[in-house]
């Protein structure tokens, strides 16, 4: 008979894997769009509103990248309880934590994808996807990471 705890960790790791595959899907779709002849959205993306929008998208991606530890700590303190007797509640909260953090990190790739649609620059998107994946490896769900987060709450 399978241990319910093993099933839980299997499900949460599947969520982590799916979250990590998403940026790669965006990159593959972008490559296919370029091969199919994606038209330019704007004539000159270095001027006017297109440039401002690209700066905003770049800023969003960079802010998430640089402040993800602070955002992680914020959600950790809001979702977990320090009481050892309520570990099941913390396990449920960990699922929510993983979902929030992994998909917040996917916002890096999504902002890169919107920037790609504006300027058709695959390098821009690739850099954002690499940043996204590198951070997701750091936050990939595991029992060790879960225990580390609980230690942070207990301090």
Protein backbone atom coordinates (compact mmCIF):
# COMPACT_ATOMS: atom_id res chain seq x y z
CA UNK A 1 0.00 0.00 0.00
CA UNK A 2 1.30 3.41 -0.98
CA UNK A 3 2.10 5.91 1.74
CA UNK A 4 -0.14 9.04 1.46
CA UNK A 5 2.88 11.16 2.34
CA UNK A 6 4.73 9.78 -0.71
CA UNK A 7 1.73 10.60 -2.90
CA UNK A 8 1.73 14.15 -1.56
CA UNK A 9 5.40 14.67 -2.38
CA UNK A 10 4.87 13.11 -5.80
CA UNK A 11 2.05 15.55 -6.56
CA UNK A 12 3.95 18.58 -5.35
CA UNK A 13 7.03 17.60 -7.38
CA UNK A 14 4.79 17.16 -10.45
CA UNK A 15 3.58 20.72 -9.90
CA UNK A 16 7.20 21.84 -9.75
CA UNK A 17 8.08 19.98 -12.96
CA UNK A 18 5.08 21.40 -14.82
CA UNK A 19 5.99 24.88 -13.62
CA UNK A 20 9.52 24.41 -14.94
CA UNK A 21 8.36 23.06 -18.31
CA UNK A 22 6.14 26.09 -18.92
CA UNK A 23 9.01 28.51 -19.79
CA UNK A 24 10.40 25.93 -22.20
CA UNK A 25 7.01 25.66 -23.87
CA UNK A 26 6.97 29.45 -24.26
CA UNK A 27 10.43 29.31 -25.85
CA UNK A 28 9.44 26.53 -28.26
CA UNK A 29 6.25 28.36 -29.25
CA UNK A 30 8.32 31.49 -29.88
CA UNK A 31 10.76 29.62 -32.12
CA UNK A 32 7.82 28.18 -34.07
CA UNK A 33 6.26 31.63 -34.39
CA UNK A 34 9.50 32.98 -35.84
CA UNK A 35 9.72 30.10 -38.31
CA UNK A 36 6.12 30.74 -39.39
CA UNK A 37 6.96 34.40 -40.05
CA UNK A 38 5.63 36.23 -37.01
CA UNK A 39 4.78 39.76 -38.21
CA UNK A 40 6.17 42.78 -36.42
CA UNK A 41 3.73 44.33 -33.99
CA UNK A 42 5.30 47.77 -34.34
CA UNK A 43 7.44 49.32 -37.07
CA UNK A 44 10.18 50.54 -34.75
CA UNK A 45 10.25 49.02 -31.29
CA UNK A 46 13.07 51.34 -30.21
CA UNK A 47 10.81 54.40 -30.20
CA UNK A 48 7.67 55.59 -28.50
CA UNK A 49 5.30 53.49 -26.45
CA UNK A 50 6.82 50.17 -27.58
CA UNK A 51 10.13 51.11 -25.99
CA UNK A 52 8.45 52.21 -22.76
CA UNK A 53 6.47 48.95 -22.65
CA UNK A 54 9.66 46.95 -23.14
CA UNK A 55 11.33 48.80 -20.29
CA UNK A 56 8.35 48.06 -18.07
CA UNK A 57 8.44 44.36 -19.00
CA UNK A 58 12.20 44.22 -18.42
CA UNK A 59 11.74 45.91 -15.04
CA UNK A 60 9.05 43.42 -14.00
CA UNK A 61 11.29 40.48 -14.87
CA UNK A 62 14.33 41.97 -13.13
CA UNK A 63 12.37 42.93 -10.00
CA UNK A 64 11.02 39.40 -9.63
CA UNK A 65 14.53 38.02 -10.21
CA UNK A 66 16.21 40.23 -7.61
CA UNK A 67 13.45 40.23 -4.99
CA UNK A 68 12.29 36.62 -5.18
CA UNK A 69 13.96 35.75 -1.85
CA UNK A 70 12.10 38.58 -0.13
CA UNK A 71 8.84 37.54 -1.77
CA UNK A 72 9.48 33.95 -0.73
CA UNK A 73 10.06 35.02 2.88
CA UNK A 74 6.89 37.12 2.78
CA UNK A 75 4.75 34.18 1.63
CA UNK A 76 6.52 31.81 4.02
CA UNK A 77 5.59 33.95 7.02
CA UNK A 78 2.00 34.29 5.81
CA UNK A 79 1.34 30.65 4.90
CA UNK A 80 3.15 28.59 7.55
CA UNK A 81 2.57 28.29 11.29
CA UNK A 82 5.35 27.77 13.83
CA UNK A 83 3.40 25.19 15.85
CA UNK A 84 4.89 21.69 15.36
CA UNK A 85 1.51 20.13 16.12
CA UNK A 86 0.03 21.57 12.94
CA UNK A 87 2.40 19.95 10.42
CA UNK A 88 -0.47 18.74 8.21
CA UNK A 89 -1.65 22.32 7.88
CA UNK A 90 1.89 23.33 6.93
CA UNK A 91 2.00 20.58 4.29
CA UNK A 92 -1.14 22.03 2.71
CA UNK A 93 0.34 25.49 2.93
CA UNK A 94 3.49 24.24 1.23
CA UNK A 95 1.47 23.26 -1.83
CA UNK A 96 0.08 26.81 -1.98
CA UNK A 97 3.57 28.22 -1.43
CA UNK A 98 5.04 26.17 -4.29
CA UNK A 99 2.23 27.20 -6.62
CA UNK A 100 2.60 30.89 -5.78
CA UNK A 101 6.40 31.00 -5.97
CA UNK A 102 6.82 28.86 -9.09
CA UNK A 103 4.19 30.77 -11.04
CA UNK A 104 5.44 34.12 -9.79
CA UNK A 105 8.81 33.10 -11.23
CA UNK A 106 7.06 32.16 -14.47
CA UNK A 107 6.08 35.81 -14.72
CA UNK A 108 9.71 36.40 -15.72
CA UNK A 109 9.23 34.25 -18.83
CA UNK A 110 5.79 35.67 -19.50
CA UNK A 111 7.11 39.24 -19.45
CA UNK A 112 9.94 38.10 -21.73
CA UNK A 113 7.42 36.52 -24.08
CA UNK A 114 5.37 39.71 -24.35
CA UNK A 115 8.61 41.60 -25.03
CA UNK A 116 9.44 39.00 -27.67
CA UNK A 117 6.06 39.57 -29.34
CA UNK A 118 6.84 43.29 -29.55
CA UNK A 119 10.41 43.10 -30.89
CA UNK A 120 10.75 39.50 -32.20
CA UNK A 121 14.04 39.21 -30.30
CA UNK A 122 14.52 35.57 -29.37
CA UNK A 123 17.67 36.38 -27.39
CA UNK A 124 15.60 38.60 -25.07
CA UNK A 125 13.20 35.74 -24.40
CA UNK A 126 15.96 33.15 -24.01
CA UNK A 127 17.68 35.22 -21.31
CA UNK A 128 14.40 35.56 -19.43
CA UNK A 129 13.73 31.81 -19.71
CA UNK A 130 17.23 31.00 -18.41
CA UNK A 131 16.75 33.37 -15.46
CA UNK A 132 13.35 31.82 -14.80
CA UNK A 133 14.64 28.23 -14.87
CA UNK A 134 17.69 28.99 -12.74
CA UNK A 135 15.50 30.41 -9.98
CA UNK A 136 12.98 27.61 -10.26
CA UNK A 137 15.77 25.11 -9.63
CA UNK A 138 16.50 26.97 -6.41
CA UNK A 139 12.85 26.87 -5.32
CA UNK A 140 12.03 23.40 -6.63
CA UNK A 141 9.82 21.65 -4.06
CA UNK A 142 11.46 19.10 -1.78
CA UNK A 143 11.16 17.88 1.77
CA UNK A 144 14.50 19.55 2.55
CA UNK A 145 13.25 22.92 1.28
CA UNK A 146 10.01 22.47 3.23
CA UNK A 147 11.94 21.88 6.47
CA UNK A 148 14.15 24.88 5.74
CA UNK A 149 11.07 27.08 5.33
CA UNK A 150 9.62 25.80 8.61
CA UNK A 151 12.88 26.70 10.35
CA UNK A 152 12.56 30.21 8.95
CA UNK A 153 9.06 30.54 10.44
CA UNK A 154 10.18 29.30 13.86
CA UNK A 155 12.84 32.00 14.18
